[in-house]
Amino acid sequence: MKETPLWVQIAVPFSILMALALIAVGWALDVTVYRIALAIAAGEICVLGVSWIVGRRISRPMQEIEAALEGSERVGISQSGPKEVRRLAHAVGRMLSDVDAKTKSMEEEKQRLVAILSRLSEGIVIVAGDGTVVMHNPAASEILGASAESSGKSRTLAQFASQHQIISLWKRCKEGKTTPDDGIQLKRGGRFIRITSTPILDLPSHCLLTVQDITKMRLADEMRKDFISNISHELRTPLASMKILADTLREGALEDRETALRFLNKMDREIEALVQMVEELLELSRIESGQVPLKIEPVPLTEVVLPPVERLHAQAERAGLQLQVDLPTPTPTVLADPERFPRVVTNLVHNAIKFTGPGGRITVFAREEADEVIVGVADTGIGIPREVLPRIFERFYKSDKSRRSQGTGLGLSISKHLVQSHGGRIWAESEEGHGSTFYFTLKKATGTGGPS
């Protein structure tokens, strides 16, 4: 096998080569010129040595400066070398310290901004001019239903929120055709959402989308409308009846004493119904505003349940119903206002009597839990439709089946606020055509009378 020759290339200054050539010639001719060449070569070698030493003193700190500027982690810069190099190293070190301080400040500011945005109940989405979602907070992802994959920073608005109305709103914002008061409302998964857009002046072509869950506001508005409608109905019926009776009396019924007395008795009942409605409205308003002083004290559960049941027992018998009580033994002691809280049991039992047909059964029962007592009123009546069950505790609310029944429609609302004023809960379970069960809770009392 043929060997390949090894070539080595060495770079030497030309003056040294000339000096070495003169030395060789002078040595061969035995002349003094080689001494001159030898002196020149020696001088060159000294100059090279000094240059190498000086270069090392300059190049090392320069390399450190370069490493400090390019590296992600700061390294120490030595203060060695010539005066100019030391001044440069000092200036670079001070500049890097300022950059690190500003970077740290910006990072802290970013963390504070992220912390604030993550705790906002409103959704915030910042969209760039090309449609990329630059920033968003968790509330925006939750309200808009964005998945973890689609909520990445590199996603477009169309991938983050697929509703075309949102994309159209962003396009109008980018073109400067929207104001902070402009917005859209969407219904998504039973929730009402309002979205507004605002151009970000400091970031050209960027838009800020604010996402709000206005479900509670819409429900409150619907409740207000229903309240006005229901109270108008409740007032219109007795007032119309009294107007008819008064017109009939004016047209000659006054001359018939028996008929006049019958009409006056009807008018009296209608007036009593209106007075009861006004009193219950005032009581409900006082309870809601906390103006009703409650004297909550330890009382046996029987003092809360049995008196109202006994008062309504005769009414249940006239309706052909069985009314029974099933309380635990020994009777637990609860924290309640003995004068006001029986109103809750009265309202629930009276409600069960109204909506249970002859031959039905009403049971008032209780069971103990860890720190509370759960009381229930179960009936075998007509039941409550599933779609209206969440609204039965609203004031004046009546389902279609109960619209013709007597009463103000305030009993359940008063019961709810009384139970909540005692720190308890109230709810209902029902299946249409198979009866209903209303539950409420009371806190247990300890031996010293405080809550357990």
Protein backbone atom coordinates (compact mmCIF):
# COMPACT_ATOMS: atom_id res chain seq x y z
CA MET A 1 0.00 0.00 0.00
CA LYS A 2 1.47 3.37 -1.03
CA GLU A 3 2.04 5.75 1.85
CA THR A 4 0.72 9.26 1.54
CA PRO A 5 3.33 11.90 2.48
CA LEU A 6 2.52 14.13 5.44
CA TRP A 7 2.78 17.85 4.74
CA VAL A 8 3.16 20.37 7.54
CA GLN A 9 2.75 24.08 6.83
CA ILE A 10 4.37 26.54 9.22
CA ALA A 11 3.84 30.31 8.99
CA VAL A 12 6.96 32.34 9.87
CA PRO A 13 7.42 36.12 9.38
CA PHE A 14 9.30 36.98 6.14
CA SER A 15 11.93 39.02 8.01
CA ILE A 16 12.91 35.99 10.05
CA LEU A 17 13.21 33.88 6.88
CA MET A 18 15.46 36.52 5.28
CA ALA A 19 17.55 36.73 8.42
CA LEU A 20 17.97 32.95 8.52
CA ALA A 21 18.93 32.95 4.81
CA LEU A 22 21.59 35.65 5.45
CA ILE A 23 22.93 33.68 8.40
CA ALA A 24 23.26 30.59 6.25
CA VAL A 25 25.04 32.52 3.45
CA GLY A 26 27.29 34.37 5.87
CA TRP A 27 28.20 31.18 7.62
CA ALA A 28 29.08 29.56 4.27
CA LEU A 29 31.18 32.56 3.09
CA ASP A 30 32.61 33.20 6.52
CA VAL A 31 31.66 36.88 6.48
CA THR A 32 30.33 39.10 9.21
CA VAL A 33 27.00 39.62 7.50
CA TYR A 34 25.61 36.57 9.20
CA ARG A 35 26.15 38.27 12.55
CA ILE A 36 23.96 41.12 11.40
CA ALA A 37 21.33 38.68 10.23
CA LEU A 38 21.57 36.85 13.51
CA ALA A 39 20.94 40.07 15.41
CA ILE A 40 17.92 40.85 13.20
CA ALA A 41 16.49 37.37 13.78
CA ALA A 42 17.02 37.67 17.50
CA GLY A 43 15.25 41.05 17.48
CA GLU A 44 12.34 39.66 15.55
CA ILE A 45 12.03 36.78 17.97
CA CYS A 46 12.00 39.20 20.91
CA VAL A 47 9.35 41.32 19.22
CA LEU A 48 7.23 38.22 18.61
CA GLY A 49 7.59 37.16 22.23
CA VAL A 50 6.57 40.56 23.52
CA SER A 51 3.65 40.72 21.05
CA TRP A 52 2.47 37.30 22.17
CA ILE A 53 2.60 38.29 25.83
CA VAL A 54 0.75 41.58 25.21
CA GLY A 55 -1.77 39.82 22.98
CA ARG A 56 -2.50 37.28 25.70
CA ARG A 57 -3.11 40.06 28.22
CA ILE A 58 -5.57 41.72 25.81
CA SER A 59 -7.21 38.69 24.23
CA ARG A 60 -8.09 36.91 27.48
CA PRO A 61 -10.28 39.68 28.95
CA MET A 62 -11.74 40.31 25.49
CA GLN A 63 -12.72 36.65 25.28
CA GLU A 64 -14.31 36.92 28.72
CA ILE A 65 -16.25 39.99 27.61
CA GLU A 66 -17.41 38.17 24.48
CA ALA A 67 -18.48 35.13 26.54
CA ALA A 68 -20.37 37.37 28.99
CA LEU A 69 -22.20 39.14 26.17
CA GLU A 70 -23.11 35.98 24.28
CA GLY A 71 -23.79 33.59 27.16
CA SER A 72 -27.22 33.12 28.76
CA GLU A 73 -25.50 32.83 32.16
CA ARG A 74 -23.36 35.73 33.30
CA VAL A 75 -19.66 34.93 33.86
CA GLY A 76 -17.17 37.01 35.77
CA ILE A 77 -15.05 39.51 33.81
CA SER A 78 -11.54 39.89 35.16
CA GLN A 79 -10.19 43.39 35.63
CA SER A 80 -6.68 42.53 34.34
CA GLY A 81 -4.88 43.82 31.26
CA PRO A 82 -4.09 47.31 30.03
CA LYS A 83 -5.92 50.35 31.36
CA GLU A 84 -8.12 50.69 28.28
CA VAL A 85 -9.11 47.02 28.46
CA ARG A 86 -9.93 47.33 32.16
CA ARG A 87 -12.12 50.36 31.46
CA LEU A 88 -13.92 48.47 28.71
CA ALA A 89 -14.43 45.43 30.99
CA HIS A 90 -15.78 47.67 33.76
CA ALA A 91 -18.21 49.39 31.36
CA VAL A 92 -19.39 46.07 29.93
CA GLY A 93 -19.86 44.62 33.44
CA ARG A 94 -21.93 47.65 34.51
CA MET A 95 -24.02 47.44 31.35
CA LEU A 96 -24.66 43.71 31.91
CA SER A 97 -25.68 44.41 35.53
CA ASP A 98 -28.19 47.04 34.33
CA VAL A 99 -29.53 44.63 31.71
CA ASP A 100 -29.92 41.87 34.32
CA ALA A 101 -31.70 44.24 36.71
CA LYS A 102 -34.10 45.44 34.01
CA THR A 103 -34.70 41.88 32.85
CA LYS A 104 -35.47 40.80 36.40
CA SER A 105 -37.82 43.76 36.86
CA MET A 106 -39.61 42.95 33.60
CA GLU A 107 -39.93 39.29 34.62
CA GLU A 108 -41.39 40.28 38.00
CA GLU A 109 -43.81 42.67 36.28
CA LYS A 110 -44.82 39.89 33.91
CA GLN A 111 -45.42 37.51 36.83
CA ARG A 112 -47.58 40.11 38.56
CA LEU A 113 -49.56 40.65 35.37
CA VAL A 114 -50.04 36.90 34.93
CA ALA A 115 -51.15 36.58 38.57
CA ILE A 116 -53.68 39.40 38.17
CA LEU A 117 -55.05 38.06 34.88
CA SER A 118 -55.34 34.53 36.27
CA ARG A 119 -57.54 35.78 39.10
CA LEU A 120 -59.87 37.90 37.00
CA SER A 121 -63.38 36.56 36.62
CA GLU A 122 -63.58 38.24 33.21
CA GLY A 123 -61.84 36.70 30.25
CA ILE A 124 -59.00 38.61 28.56
CA VAL A 125 -57.76 37.76 25.07
CA ILE A 126 -55.12 39.78 23.15
CA VAL A 127 -55.11 39.09 19.41
CA ALA A 128 -52.36 40.20 17.02
CA GLY A 129 -52.99 41.65 13.58
CA ASP A 130 -52.49 38.28 11.90
CA GLY A 131 -55.12 36.66 14.12
CA THR A 132 -52.69 34.96 16.53
CA VAL A 133 -53.72 34.82 20.18
CA VAL A 134 -50.83 36.55 21.93
CA MET A 135 -52.14 36.27 25.48
CA HIS A 136 -55.21 35.04 27.33
CA ASN A 137 -56.15 34.22 30.92
CA PRO A 138 -57.79 31.05 32.31
CA ALA A 139 -61.19 32.74 32.58
CA ALA A 140 -61.26 33.28 28.82
CA SER A 141 -60.48 29.61 28.17
CA GLU A 142 -63.15 28.51 30.65
CA ILE A 143 -65.91 30.83 29.40
CA LEU A 144 -65.23 30.21 25.71
CA GLY A 145 -64.71 26.49 26.27
CA ALA A 146 -61.23 26.45 24.72
CA SER A 147 -59.43 23.13 25.17
CA ALA A 148 -55.93 22.90 26.61
CA GLU A 149 -54.52 22.27 23.12
CA SER A 150 -56.35 25.13 21.46
CA SER A 151 -55.44 27.59 24.20
CA GLY A 152 -51.73 27.66 23.31
CA LYS A 153 -50.09 30.99 22.49
CA SER A 154 -49.38 30.02 18.91
CA ARG A 155 -53.03 29.33 18.15
CA THR A 156 -55.15 31.57 16.00
CA LEU A 157 -58.35 33.17 17.21
CA ALA A 158 -60.36 30.84 14.97
CA GLN A 159 -58.80 27.86 16.75
CA PHE A 160 -59.16 29.42 20.19
CA ALA A 161 -62.80 30.51 19.76
CA SER A 162 -64.57 29.01 16.78
CA GLN A 163 -67.67 31.25 16.86
CA HIS A 164 -67.79 33.31 13.71
CA GLN A 165 -69.33 36.26 15.56
CA ILE A 166 -66.15 36.59 17.65
CA ILE A 167 -63.96 36.53 14.57
CA SER A 168 -66.13 39.16 12.87
CA LEU A 169 -65.91 41.35 15.99
CA TRP A 170 -62.09 41.08 15.96
CA LYS A 171 -61.93 42.01 12.26
CA ARG A 172 -64.06 45.11 12.87
CA CYS A 173 -61.82 46.02 15.81
CA LYS A 174 -58.67 45.64 13.70
CA GLU A 175 -60.19 47.94 11.11
CA GLY A 176 -61.09 50.49 13.78
CA LYS A 177 -64.83 50.05 13.34
CA THR A 178 -65.71 49.27 16.97
CA THR A 179 -65.93 51.23 20.22
CA PRO A 180 -65.58 49.98 23.82
CA ASP A 181 -69.38 49.99 24.11
CA ASP A 182 -69.86 47.75 21.09
CA GLY A 183 -70.09 44.03 21.66
CA ILE A 184 -71.86 40.80 20.93
CA GLN A 185 -73.86 38.40 23.07
CA LEU A 186 -73.74 34.66 22.61
CA LYS A 187 -75.45 31.71 24.25
CA ARG A 188 -73.16 28.75 24.72
CA GLY A 189 -74.04 25.64 26.73
CA GLY A 190 -76.78 27.40 28.68
CA ARG A 191 -74.52 30.36 29.46
CA PHE A 192 -74.90 33.90 28.17
CA ILE A 193 -71.62 35.52 27.11
CA ARG A 194 -70.87 39.14 26.24
CA ILE A 195 -67.71 40.00 24.30
CA THR A 196 -66.38 43.51 23.67
CA SER A 197 -63.31 44.60 21.70
CA THR A 198 -60.89 47.50 22.09
CA PRO A 199 -57.88 48.39 19.89
CA ILE A 200 -54.55 48.50 21.74
CA LEU A 201 -52.98 51.81 20.77
CA ASP A 202 -49.48 50.89 21.96
CA LEU A 203 -49.52 47.73 19.82
CA PRO A 204 -50.63 48.49 16.26
CA SER A 205 -53.16 46.03 14.80
CA HIS A 206 -53.58 44.35 18.22
CA CYS A 207 -57.02 44.05 19.79
CA LEU A 208 -58.15 43.35 23.34
CA LEU A 209 -61.23 41.10 23.65
CA THR A 210 -63.05 41.17 27.00
CA VAL A 211 -65.21 38.11 27.68
CA GLN A 212 -67.91 38.26 30.38
CA ASP A 213 -70.25 35.57 31.67
CA ILE A 214 -73.54 37.48 32.05
CA THR A 215 -75.69 34.45 32.84
CA LYS A 216 -76.51 35.68 36.35
CA MET A 217 -77.34 39.14 35.02
CA ARG A 218 -79.68 37.65 32.41
CA LEU A 219 -81.35 35.43 35.00
CA ALA A 220 -81.75 38.39 37.34
CA ASP A 221 -83.31 40.38 34.51
CA GLU A 222 -85.67 37.52 33.73
CA MET A 223 -86.57 37.26 37.42
CA ARG A 224 -87.32 40.97 37.50
CA LYS A 225 -89.56 40.68 34.46
CA ASP A 226 -91.31 37.64 35.92
CA PHE A 227 -91.73 39.45 39.22
CA ILE A 228 -93.44 42.38 37.52
CA SER A 229 -95.61 40.02 35.49
CA ASN A 230 -96.56 37.88 38.49
CA ILE A 231 -97.30 40.73 40.86
CA SER A 232 -99.38 42.39 38.14
CA HIS A 233 -101.37 39.16 37.82
CA GLU A 234 -101.79 38.77 41.57
CA LEU A 235 -103.00 42.36 41.92
CA ARG A 236 -105.16 42.41 38.82
CA THR A 237 -107.32 39.44 39.81
CA PRO A 238 -108.61 40.73 43.19
CA LEU A 239 -108.85 44.30 41.94
CA ALA A 240 -110.88 43.24 38.88
CA SER A 241 -113.15 41.15 41.12
CA MET A 242 -113.75 44.08 43.49
CA LYS A 243 -114.42 46.40 40.53
CA ILE A 244 -117.08 44.04 39.19
CA LEU A 245 -118.67 43.67 42.62
CA ALA A 246 -118.67 47.44 43.18
CA ASP A 247 -120.25 48.07 39.74
CA THR A 248 -122.89 45.44 40.43
CA LEU A 249 -123.76 47.06 43.75
CA ARG A 250 -123.88 50.48 42.16
CA GLU A 251 -126.27 49.24 39.44
CA GLY A 252 -128.92 48.19 41.96
CA ALA A 253 -127.70 45.25 43.97
CA LEU A 254 -127.63 47.47 47.07
CA GLU A 255 -131.40 47.28 47.22
CA ASP A 256 -131.20 43.50 47.67
CA ARG A 257 -129.78 43.27 51.17
CA GLU A 258 -128.88 39.55 50.97
CA THR A 259 -127.08 39.97 47.64
CA ALA A 260 -125.34 43.13 48.87
CA LEU A 261 -124.04 41.35 51.98
CA ARG A 262 -122.76 38.44 49.87
CA PHE A 263 -120.95 40.82 47.54
CA LEU A 264 -119.49 42.76 50.46
CA ASN A 265 -118.21 39.51 51.99
CA LYS A 266 -116.50 38.65 48.69
CA MET A 267 -114.97 42.12 48.55
CA ASP A 268 -113.79 41.68 52.12
CA ARG A 269 -112.04 38.40 51.23
CA GLU A 270 -110.33 40.02 48.26
CA ILE A 271 -109.17 42.90 50.43
CA GLU A 272 -107.84 40.44 53.01
CA ALA A 273 -105.90 38.67 50.25
CA LEU A 274 -104.38 41.98 49.16
CA VAL A 275 -103.51 42.91 52.74
CA GLN A 276 -101.87 39.48 53.22
CA MET A 277 -99.89 39.95 50.03
CA VAL A 278 -98.64 43.37 51.12
CA GLU A 279 -97.73 42.08 54.59
CA GLU A 280 -95.85 39.13 53.15
CA LEU A 281 -94.01 41.39 50.72
CA LEU A 282 -92.98 43.66 53.58
CA GLU A 283 -91.91 40.69 55.70
CA LEU A 284 -89.92 39.22 52.81
CA SER A 285 -88.24 42.58 52.19
CA ARG A 286 -87.30 42.90 55.88
CA ILE A 287 -85.93 39.34 55.99
CA GLU A 288 -83.85 39.88 52.83
CA SER A 289 -82.42 43.16 54.14
CA GLY A 290 -81.65 41.68 57.57
CA GLN A 291 -84.07 44.01 59.37
CA VAL A 292 -85.90 41.17 61.11
CA PRO A 293 -84.21 40.49 64.47
CA LEU A 294 -83.94 36.73 64.95
CA LYS A 295 -83.70 35.28 68.45
CA ILE A 296 -81.85 32.09 67.60
CA GLU A 297 -81.55 29.78 70.60
CA PRO A 298 -81.37 26.04 71.34
CA VAL A 299 -84.87 24.54 71.07
CA PRO A 300 -86.10 20.94 70.74
CA LEU A 301 -86.98 20.06 67.15
CA THR A 302 -90.52 19.19 68.25
CA GLU A 303 -91.16 22.85 69.18
CA VAL A 304 -90.34 23.83 65.62
CA VAL A 305 -92.24 21.08 63.78
CA LEU A 306 -95.22 19.91 65.84
CA PRO A 307 -97.16 23.21 66.48
CA PRO A 308 -97.61 24.13 62.78
CA VAL A 309 -98.44 20.50 61.88
CA GLU A 310 -101.12 20.37 64.57
CA ARG A 311 -102.67 23.64 63.37
CA LEU A 312 -102.94 22.28 59.81
CA HIS A 313 -104.13 18.82 60.79
CA ALA A 314 -107.82 19.78 60.53
CA GLN A 315 -107.33 21.33 57.10
CA ALA A 316 -105.63 18.14 55.89
CA GLU A 317 -108.53 16.02 57.16
CA ARG A 318 -111.05 18.23 55.34
CA ALA A 319 -109.04 17.68 52.15
CA GLY A 320 -109.12 13.91 52.69
CA LEU A 321 -105.36 13.64 53.36
CA GLN A 322 -103.26 11.74 55.86
CA LEU A 323 -100.82 13.99 57.72
CA GLN A 324 -98.21 12.17 59.78
CA VAL A 325 -94.97 13.03 61.60
CA ASP A 326 -91.87 10.86 61.88
CA LEU A 327 -89.19 12.43 64.11
CA PRO A 328 -86.10 10.74 65.55
CA THR A 329 -85.95 9.65 69.20
CA PRO A 330 -84.51 11.19 71.29
CA THR A 331 -85.48 14.50 69.80
CA PRO A 332 -82.43 16.55 68.72
CA THR A 333 -81.94 20.14 69.84
CA VAL A 334 -81.50 22.70 67.08
CA LEU A 335 -80.64 26.39 66.81
CA ALA A 336 -83.72 28.31 65.69
CA ASP A 337 -85.99 31.24 66.41
CA PRO A 338 -88.96 29.49 68.10
CA GLU A 339 -91.37 32.25 67.06
CA ARG A 340 -90.43 32.81 63.42
CA PHE A 341 -89.02 29.51 62.17
CA PRO A 342 -92.26 27.47 62.49
CA ARG A 343 -93.46 29.66 59.60
CA VAL A 344 -91.21 27.56 57.34
CA VAL A 345 -92.94 24.29 58.35
CA THR A 346 -96.34 25.96 58.01
CA ASN A 347 -95.61 27.13 54.46
CA LEU A 348 -94.26 23.75 53.33
CA VAL A 349 -97.08 21.69 54.82
CA HIS A 350 -99.74 24.11 53.58
CA ASN A 351 -98.16 23.95 50.13
CA ALA A 352 -98.30 20.12 50.22
CA ILE A 353 -102.00 20.19 51.18
CA LYS A 354 -102.84 22.47 48.24
CA PHE A 355 -101.21 20.23 45.65
CA THR A 356 -102.16 16.79 46.95
CA GLY A 357 -105.45 15.22 45.92
CA PRO A 358 -107.93 13.43 48.22
CA GLY A 359 -106.62 10.12 49.51
CA GLY A 360 -103.03 11.35 49.43
CA ARG A 361 -100.44 11.36 52.19
CA ILE A 362 -98.17 14.01 53.66
CA THR A 363 -95.22 13.04 55.87
CA VAL A 364 -93.06 15.35 57.94
CA PHE A 365 -89.82 13.59 58.88
CA ALA A 366 -86.31 14.37 60.08
CA ARG A 367 -82.90 12.73 60.26
CA GLU A 368 -79.66 13.70 61.94
CA GLU A 369 -76.40 14.32 60.13
CA ALA A 370 -72.96 15.19 61.51
CA ASP A 371 -73.66 18.76 62.66
CA GLU A 372 -77.16 19.42 61.36
CA VAL A 373 -80.69 18.07 61.23
CA ILE A 374 -82.42 17.59 57.87
CA VAL A 375 -86.20 18.04 57.95
CA GLY A 376 -88.36 16.97 55.01
CA VAL A 377 -92.00 17.43 53.96
CA ALA A 378 -93.02 14.73 51.47
CA ASP A 379 -96.34 14.49 49.64
CA THR A 380 -97.95 12.27 47.02
CA GLY A 381 -99.35 15.18 45.02
CA ILE A 382 -99.09 16.33 41.42
CA GLY A 383 -95.36 16.98 41.55
CA ILE A 384 -93.34 19.76 39.95
CA PRO A 385 -92.10 19.80 36.34
CA ARG A 386 -88.33 19.39 36.09
CA GLU A 387 -87.85 22.59 34.08
CA VAL A 388 -89.47 24.82 36.72
CA LEU A 389 -88.01 23.11 39.80
CA PRO A 390 -85.00 25.50 40.06
CA ARG A 391 -87.33 28.53 40.12
CA ILE A 392 -89.96 27.54 42.69
CA PHE A 393 -88.31 29.61 45.47
CA GLU A 394 -88.56 32.84 43.47
CA ARG A 395 -91.07 35.34 44.76
CA PHE A 396 -94.46 35.17 43.04
CA TYR A 397 -93.29 32.34 40.80
CA LYS A 398 -96.03 29.84 39.99
CA SER A 399 -96.02 27.05 37.45
CA ASP A 400 -98.95 26.81 35.06
CA LYS A 401 -100.59 24.08 37.16
CA SER A 402 -100.47 26.22 40.28
CA ARG A 403 -101.55 29.48 38.65
CA ARG A 404 -105.19 28.86 39.49
CA SER A 405 -104.46 28.00 43.12
CA GLN A 406 -105.01 30.41 45.98
CA GLY A 407 -102.09 32.08 47.69
CA THR A 408 -99.66 34.89 47.04
CA GLY A 409 -96.79 32.81 45.72
CA LEU A 410 -94.50 34.22 48.41
CA GLY A 411 -94.54 31.35 50.91
CA LEU A 412 -91.60 29.41 49.45
CA SER A 413 -89.55 32.56 48.99
CA ILE A 414 -90.12 33.56 52.62
CA SER A 415 -89.22 30.03 53.73
CA LYS A 416 -85.97 30.12 51.74
CA HIS A 417 -84.81 33.40 53.28
CA LEU A 418 -85.76 32.32 56.81
CA VAL A 419 -83.79 29.09 56.44
CA GLN A 420 -80.80 30.94 55.01
CA SER A 421 -80.98 33.49 57.84
CA HIS A 422 -80.54 30.54 60.22
CA GLY A 423 -77.46 29.37 58.30
CA GLY A 424 -79.28 26.43 56.71
CA ARG A 425 -80.15 25.16 53.24
CA ILE A 426 -83.46 24.49 51.51
CA TRP A 427 -84.17 22.54 48.33
CA ALA A 428 -86.81 20.36 46.66
CA GLU A 429 -86.92 17.05 44.81
CA SER A 430 -89.86 16.12 42.66
CA GLU A 431 -91.07 14.00 39.79
CA GLU A 432 -94.10 15.25 37.92
CA GLY A 433 -97.14 13.12 38.80
CA HIS A 434 -95.35 11.35 41.66
CA GLY A 435 -95.26 13.93 44.44
CA SER A 436 -92.61 16.25 45.88
CA THR A 437 -90.29 16.43 48.87
CA PHE A 438 -89.04 19.70 50.32
CA TYR A 439 -85.97 19.65 52.56
CA PHE A 440 -84.39 22.20 54.89
CA THR A 441 -81.57 22.01 57.42
CA LEU A 442 -81.01 23.38 60.91
CA LYS A 443 -77.78 23.42 62.86
CA LYS A 444 -77.53 21.22 65.90
CA ALA A 445 -77.01 22.84 69.30
CA THR A 446 -74.35 21.75 71.76
CA GLY A 447 -74.90 21.32 75.47
CA THR A 448 -73.93 24.98 76.05
CA GLY A 449 -76.26 26.28 73.40
CA GLY A 450 -73.68 27.13 70.74
CA PRO A 451 -73.50 25.66 67.27
CA SER A 452 -71.73 22.36 66.97
